[in-house]
Amino acid sequence: MENLFRVWASRIPKYDEKFRDTLFKSRANKGTRDEDSVESLGKHFSRNYELYMYAFFLGLYRDLYVEIPKEATKVDFSHHIQYWGNKSSRGRESFSDLQEYMFVALIAKTDIDIIALEKDEIKVEKIVRQLLDTMEAYTNGGLIFLQEKGEENRHYHLVPDAFLKLILEAESK
């Protein structure tokens, strides 16, 4: 049997295209090698996957499981989970712990039959698809929440600790 974590990590999760311009382009840098440019451009996240991970945990902590509508166009940013935050010569921190935390949360929140998987009654691909569906739904819930916060007060995200406060508020509930 294939390693479930490795197969899941080799995938590229998707999000609703409506967030591409409203959140990803305005809040995250895409593919730049200059970490210092993030702040100068008014971005909060230095990579798209950082915003994706944040939205996932925000959705998870606030229990915002919202499936992406069937009619929505799903897009991705062409970056496999296993490469999110990989260390490089540029001194980036490894996100491997966060990948593992996401995976464990997905296992806990997804109705999968691990025994059937062990018995080879269910294919790894089916389980991975279920995990990705759960991941995309919590991320979608987090993205919706972030967008609504921005619509309520378009300057909300300009407060230096706004993103931290959203997580802390969710944890306290």
C-alpha atoms as a PDB file:
ATOM      1  CA  MET A   1       0.000   0.000   0.000  1.00  0.00           C
ATOM      2  CA  GLU A   2       1.207   3.480  -0.828  1.00  0.00           C
ATOM      3  CA  ASN A   3       1.985   5.909   1.985  1.00  0.00           C
ATOM      4  CA  LEU A   4      -1.213   7.934   2.426  1.00  0.00           C
ATOM      5  CA  PHE A   5       0.590  11.079   3.585  1.00  0.00           C
ATOM      6  CA  ARG A   6       2.994  11.051   0.631  1.00  0.00           C
ATOM      7  CA  VAL A   7       0.209  10.582  -1.896  1.00  0.00           C
ATOM      8  CA  TRP A   8      -1.835  13.379  -0.304  1.00  0.00           C
ATOM      9  CA  ALA A   9       1.235  15.665  -0.178  1.00  0.00           C
ATOM     10  CA  SER A  10       1.900  15.066  -3.870  1.00  0.00           C
ATOM     11  CA  ARG A  11      -1.391  16.743  -4.770  1.00  0.00           C
ATOM     12  CA  ILE A  12      -2.279  20.339  -5.574  1.00  0.00           C
ATOM     13  CA  PRO A  13      -5.447  21.468  -3.768  1.00  0.00           C
ATOM     14  CA  LYS A  14      -7.849  23.836  -5.450  1.00  0.00           C
ATOM     15  CA  TYR A  15      -9.883  26.867  -4.432  1.00  0.00           C
ATOM     16  CA  ASP A  16     -12.793  28.829  -5.875  1.00  0.00           C
ATOM     17  CA  GLU A  17     -11.600  31.107  -8.666  1.00  0.00           C
ATOM     18  CA  LYS A  18     -13.587  34.034  -7.236  1.00  0.00           C
ATOM     19  CA  PHE A  19     -10.893  34.384  -4.547  1.00  0.00           C
ATOM     20  CA  ARG A  20      -8.035  34.696  -7.053  1.00  0.00           C
ATOM     21  CA  ASP A  21      -8.410  38.462  -7.485  1.00  0.00           C
ATOM     22  CA  THR A  22     -10.101  39.349  -4.207  1.00  0.00           C
ATOM     23  CA  LEU A  23      -7.703  37.557  -1.846  1.00  0.00           C
ATOM     24  CA  PHE A  24      -4.786  35.771  -3.483  1.00  0.00           C
ATOM     25  CA  LYS A  25      -3.631  38.604  -5.737  1.00  0.00           C
ATOM     26  CA  SER A  26      -4.170  41.268  -3.098  1.00  0.00           C
ATOM     27  CA  ARG A  27      -2.865  39.450  -0.008  1.00  0.00           C
ATOM     28  CA  ALA A  28      -0.111  37.130  -1.272  1.00  0.00           C
ATOM     29  CA  ASN A  29       2.948  37.371  -3.474  1.00  0.00           C
ATOM     30  CA  LYS A  30       3.231  34.888  -6.279  1.00  0.00           C
ATOM     31  CA  GLY A  31       6.549  33.293  -6.992  1.00  0.00           C
ATOM     32  CA  THR A  32       8.807  36.189  -6.083  1.00  0.00           C
ATOM     33  CA  ARG A  33      12.215  35.371  -4.700  1.00  0.00           C
ATOM     34  CA  ASP A  34      12.461  38.629  -2.767  1.00  0.00           C
ATOM     35  CA  GLU A  35      11.039  38.072   0.701  1.00  0.00           C
ATOM     36  CA  ASP A  36      11.466  41.765   1.564  1.00  0.00           C
ATOM     37  CA  SER A  37       9.167  42.832  -1.261  1.00  0.00           C
ATOM     38  CA  VAL A  38       6.151  41.315   0.489  1.00  0.00           C
ATOM     39  CA  GLU A  39       5.881  44.136   2.989  1.00  0.00           C
ATOM     40  CA  SER A  40       6.722  46.844   0.470  1.00  0.00           C
ATOM     41  CA  LEU A  41       3.908  45.645  -1.782  1.00  0.00           C
ATOM     42  CA  GLY A  42       1.409  45.620   1.088  1.00  0.00           C
ATOM     43  CA  LYS A  43       1.051  41.832   1.011  1.00  0.00           C
ATOM     44  CA  HIS A  44       0.487  39.760   4.122  1.00  0.00           C
ATOM     45  CA  PHE A  45       1.697  36.398   2.837  1.00  0.00           C
ATOM     46  CA  SER A  46       4.889  35.806   0.896  1.00  0.00           C
ATOM     47  CA  ARG A  47       3.441  32.846  -1.043  1.00  0.00           C
ATOM     48  CA  ASN A  48      -0.016  31.816  -2.190  1.00  0.00           C
ATOM     49  CA  TYR A  49       0.204  28.552  -0.280  1.00  0.00           C
ATOM     50  CA  GLU A  50       0.749  30.498   2.961  1.00  0.00           C
ATOM     51  CA  LEU A  51      -2.628  32.192   2.489  1.00  0.00           C
ATOM     52  CA  TYR A  52      -4.134  28.813   1.575  1.00  0.00           C
ATOM     53  CA  MET A  53      -2.774  27.209   4.760  1.00  0.00           C
ATOM     54  CA  TYR A  54      -3.951  30.137   6.854  1.00  0.00           C
ATOM     55  CA  ALA A  55      -7.450  29.959   5.342  1.00  0.00           C
ATOM     56  CA  PHE A  56      -7.525  26.202   5.994  1.00  0.00           C
ATOM     57  CA  PHE A  57      -6.711  26.572   9.683  1.00  0.00           C
ATOM     58  CA  LEU A  58      -9.053  29.556  10.032  1.00  0.00           C
ATOM     59  CA  GLY A  59     -11.867  27.500   8.508  1.00  0.00           C
ATOM     60  CA  LEU A  60     -10.969  24.498  10.660  1.00  0.00           C
ATOM     61  CA  TYR A  61     -10.781  26.439  13.938  1.00  0.00           C
ATOM     62  CA  ARG A  62     -14.033  28.258  13.221  1.00  0.00           C
ATOM     63  CA  ASP A  63     -15.688  25.049  11.966  1.00  0.00           C
ATOM     64  CA  LEU A  64     -16.424  26.673   8.611  1.00  0.00           C
ATOM     65  CA  TYR A  65     -16.839  23.625   6.397  1.00  0.00           C
ATOM     66  CA  VAL A  66     -18.212  25.075   3.158  1.00  0.00           C
ATOM     67  CA  GLU A  67     -17.897  22.984   0.019  1.00  0.00           C
ATOM     68  CA  ILE A  68     -16.925  24.817  -3.130  1.00  0.00           C
ATOM     69  CA  PRO A  69     -20.110  25.099  -5.201  1.00  0.00           C
ATOM     70  CA  LYS A  70     -20.358  22.596  -8.057  1.00  0.00           C
ATOM     71  CA  GLU A  71     -20.851  25.426 -10.574  1.00  0.00           C
ATOM     72  CA  ALA A  72     -17.730  27.278  -9.376  1.00  0.00           C
ATOM     73  CA  THR A  73     -14.520  27.166 -11.355  1.00  0.00           C
ATOM     74  CA  LYS A  74     -11.793  25.548  -9.272  1.00  0.00           C
ATOM     75  CA  VAL A  75      -8.238  26.782  -9.728  1.00  0.00           C
ATOM     76  CA  ASP A  76      -4.899  26.174  -8.076  1.00  0.00           C
ATOM     77  CA  PHE A  77      -1.502  27.803  -7.932  1.00  0.00           C
ATOM     78  CA  SER A  78       0.434  24.818  -9.355  1.00  0.00           C
ATOM     79  CA  HIS A  79       2.370  24.031  -6.199  1.00  0.00           C
ATOM     80  CA  HIS A  80       2.225  20.554  -4.629  1.00  0.00           C
ATOM     81  CA  ILE A  81       1.628  20.379  -0.884  1.00  0.00           C
ATOM     82  CA  GLN A  82       4.953  18.578  -0.352  1.00  0.00           C
ATOM     83  CA  TYR A  83       6.826  21.653  -1.608  1.00  0.00           C
ATOM     84  CA  TRP A  84       5.026  24.217   0.528  1.00  0.00           C
ATOM     85  CA  GLY A  85       7.688  25.988   2.566  1.00  0.00           C
ATOM     86  CA  ASN A  86      10.553  23.746   1.528  1.00  0.00           C
ATOM     87  CA  LYS A  87      13.871  24.965   2.821  1.00  0.00           C
ATOM     88  CA  SER A  88      16.155  26.461   0.284  1.00  0.00           C
ATOM     89  CA  SER A  89      19.317  28.477   0.084  1.00  0.00           C
ATOM     90  CA  ARG A  90      17.196  31.602   0.614  1.00  0.00           C
ATOM     91  CA  GLY A  91      16.713  30.744   4.276  1.00  0.00           C
ATOM     92  CA  ARG A  92      12.984  29.968   4.207  1.00  0.00           C
ATOM     93  CA  GLU A  93      11.558  27.986   7.074  1.00  0.00           C
ATOM     94  CA  SER A  94      10.355  24.451   6.442  1.00  0.00           C
ATOM     95  CA  PHE A  95       6.592  23.996   6.653  1.00  0.00           C
ATOM     96  CA  SER A  96       6.812  20.214   6.978  1.00  0.00           C
ATOM     97  CA  ASP A  97       5.340  20.338  10.499  1.00  0.00           C
ATOM     98  CA  LEU A  98       2.378  22.374   9.238  1.00  0.00           C
ATOM     99  CA  GLN A  99       1.843  19.871   6.427  1.00  0.00           C
ATOM    100  CA  GLU A 100       1.715  17.080   9.002  1.00  0.00           C
ATOM    101  CA  TYR A 101      -0.699  19.035  11.239  1.00  0.00           C
ATOM    102  CA  MET A 102      -2.962  19.646   8.266  1.00  0.00           C
ATOM    103  CA  PHE A 103      -2.880  15.963   7.357  1.00  0.00           C
ATOM    104  CA  VAL A 104      -3.705  14.838  10.909  1.00  0.00           C
ATOM    105  CA  ALA A 105      -6.588  17.347  11.090  1.00  0.00           C
ATOM    106  CA  LEU A 106      -7.903  16.066   7.774  1.00  0.00           C
ATOM    107  CA  ILE A 107      -7.749  12.456   8.958  1.00  0.00           C
ATOM    108  CA  ALA A 108      -9.696  13.459  12.082  1.00  0.00           C
ATOM    109  CA  LYS A 109     -12.308  15.510  10.187  1.00  0.00           C
ATOM    110  CA  THR A 110     -12.858  13.211   7.189  1.00  0.00           C
ATOM    111  CA  ASP A 111     -15.117  10.185   7.361  1.00  0.00           C
ATOM    112  CA  ILE A 112     -12.737   7.589   5.974  1.00  0.00           C
ATOM    113  CA  ASP A 113     -12.451   3.872   6.627  1.00  0.00           C
ATOM    114  CA  ILE A 114      -8.811   3.272   7.529  1.00  0.00           C
ATOM    115  CA  ILE A 115      -9.465  -0.430   8.190  1.00  0.00           C
ATOM    116  CA  ALA A 116     -10.869  -0.876   4.668  1.00  0.00           C
ATOM    117  CA  LEU A 117      -7.817   0.933   3.334  1.00  0.00           C
ATOM    118  CA  GLU A 118      -5.504  -1.410   5.255  1.00  0.00           C
ATOM    119  CA  LYS A 119      -7.429  -4.406   3.897  1.00  0.00           C
ATOM    120  CA  ASP A 120      -7.045  -2.949   0.391  1.00  0.00           C
ATOM    121  CA  GLU A 121     -10.843  -2.738   0.038  1.00  0.00           C
ATOM    122  CA  ILE A 122     -10.559   0.991  -0.733  1.00  0.00           C
ATOM    123  CA  LYS A 123      -7.910   2.524  -2.936  1.00  0.00           C
ATOM    124  CA  VAL A 124      -5.548   5.186  -1.623  1.00  0.00           C
ATOM    125  CA  GLU A 125      -6.695   7.516  -4.413  1.00  0.00           C
ATOM    126  CA  LYS A 126     -10.277   7.501  -3.107  1.00  0.00           C
ATOM    127  CA  ILE A 127      -9.144   8.358   0.427  1.00  0.00           C
ATOM    128  CA  VAL A 128      -6.845  11.109  -0.862  1.00  0.00           C
ATOM    129  CA  ARG A 129      -9.737  12.580  -2.867  1.00  0.00           C
ATOM    130  CA  GLN A 130     -11.853  12.641   0.319  1.00  0.00           C
ATOM    131  CA  LEU A 131      -9.023  14.333   2.246  1.00  0.00           C
ATOM    132  CA  LEU A 132      -8.615  16.951  -0.488  1.00  0.00           C
ATOM    133  CA  ASP A 133     -12.374  17.580  -0.558  1.00  0.00           C
ATOM    134  CA  THR A 134     -12.313  18.191   3.203  1.00  0.00           C
ATOM    135  CA  MET A 135      -9.240  20.409   2.881  1.00  0.00           C
ATOM    136  CA  GLU A 136     -10.807  22.451   0.102  1.00  0.00           C
ATOM    137  CA  ALA A 137     -14.073  22.847   2.050  1.00  0.00           C
ATOM    138  CA  TYR A 138     -12.380  24.168   5.207  1.00  0.00           C
ATOM    139  CA  THR A 139     -10.154  26.415   3.119  1.00  0.00           C
ATOM    140  CA  ASN A 140     -13.193  27.701   1.248  1.00  0.00           C
ATOM    141  CA  GLY A 141     -14.897  28.465   4.567  1.00  0.00           C
ATOM    142  CA  GLY A 142     -11.804  30.352   5.724  1.00  0.00           C
ATOM    143  CA  LEU A 143     -11.574  32.294   2.460  1.00  0.00           C
ATOM    144  CA  ILE A 144     -15.260  33.246   2.634  1.00  0.00           C
ATOM    145  CA  PHE A 145     -14.739  34.453   6.203  1.00  0.00           C
ATOM    146  CA  LEU A 146     -11.694  36.532   5.185  1.00  0.00           C
ATOM    147  CA  GLN A 147     -13.537  38.056   2.263  1.00  0.00           C
ATOM    148  CA  GLU A 148     -16.526  38.956   4.444  1.00  0.00           C
ATOM    149  CA  LYS A 149     -14.203  40.588   6.990  1.00  0.00           C
ATOM    150  CA  GLY A 150     -12.733  42.668   4.187  1.00  0.00           C
ATOM    151  CA  GLU A 151     -16.183  43.627   2.913  1.00  0.00           C
ATOM    152  CA  GLU A 152     -17.310  44.701   6.397  1.00  0.00           C
ATOM    153  CA  ASN A 153     -14.258  46.923   6.774  1.00  0.00           C
ATOM    154  CA  ARG A 154     -11.938  47.216   3.799  1.00  0.00           C
ATOM    155  CA  HIS A 155      -9.117  48.389   6.085  1.00  0.00           C
ATOM    156  CA  TYR A 156      -9.488  45.495   8.521  1.00  0.00           C
ATOM    157  CA  HIS A 157      -6.535  43.590   7.077  1.00  0.00           C
ATOM    158  CA  LEU A 158      -4.281  46.631   7.350  1.00  0.00           C
ATOM    159  CA  VAL A 159      -4.062  46.266  11.128  1.00  0.00           C
ATOM    160  CA  PRO A 160      -0.701  44.549  11.799  1.00  0.00           C
ATOM    161  CA  ASP A 161      -2.131  41.762  13.965  1.00  0.00           C
ATOM    162  CA  ALA A 162      -5.479  41.306  12.183  1.00  0.00           C
ATOM    163  CA  PHE A 163      -4.694  37.787  10.956  1.00  0.00           C
ATOM    164  CA  LEU A 164      -3.386  36.712  14.350  1.00  0.00           C
ATOM    165  CA  LYS A 165      -6.522  38.037  16.060  1.00  0.00           C
ATOM    166  CA  LEU A 166      -8.767  36.007  13.745  1.00  0.00           C
ATOM    167  CA  ILE A 167      -7.005  32.778  14.729  1.00  0.00           C
ATOM    168  CA  LEU A 168      -6.910  33.651  18.440  1.00  0.00           C
ATOM    169  CA  GLU A 169     -10.611  34.511  18.414  1.00  0.00           C
ATOM    170  CA  ALA A 170     -11.381  31.197  16.761  1.00  0.00           C
ATOM    171  CA  GLU A 171      -9.319  29.258  19.283  1.00  0.00           C
ATOM    172  CA  SER A 172     -11.092  30.898  22.216  1.00  0.00           C
ATOM    173  CA  LYS A 173     -14.529  29.741  21.051  1.00  0.00           C
END
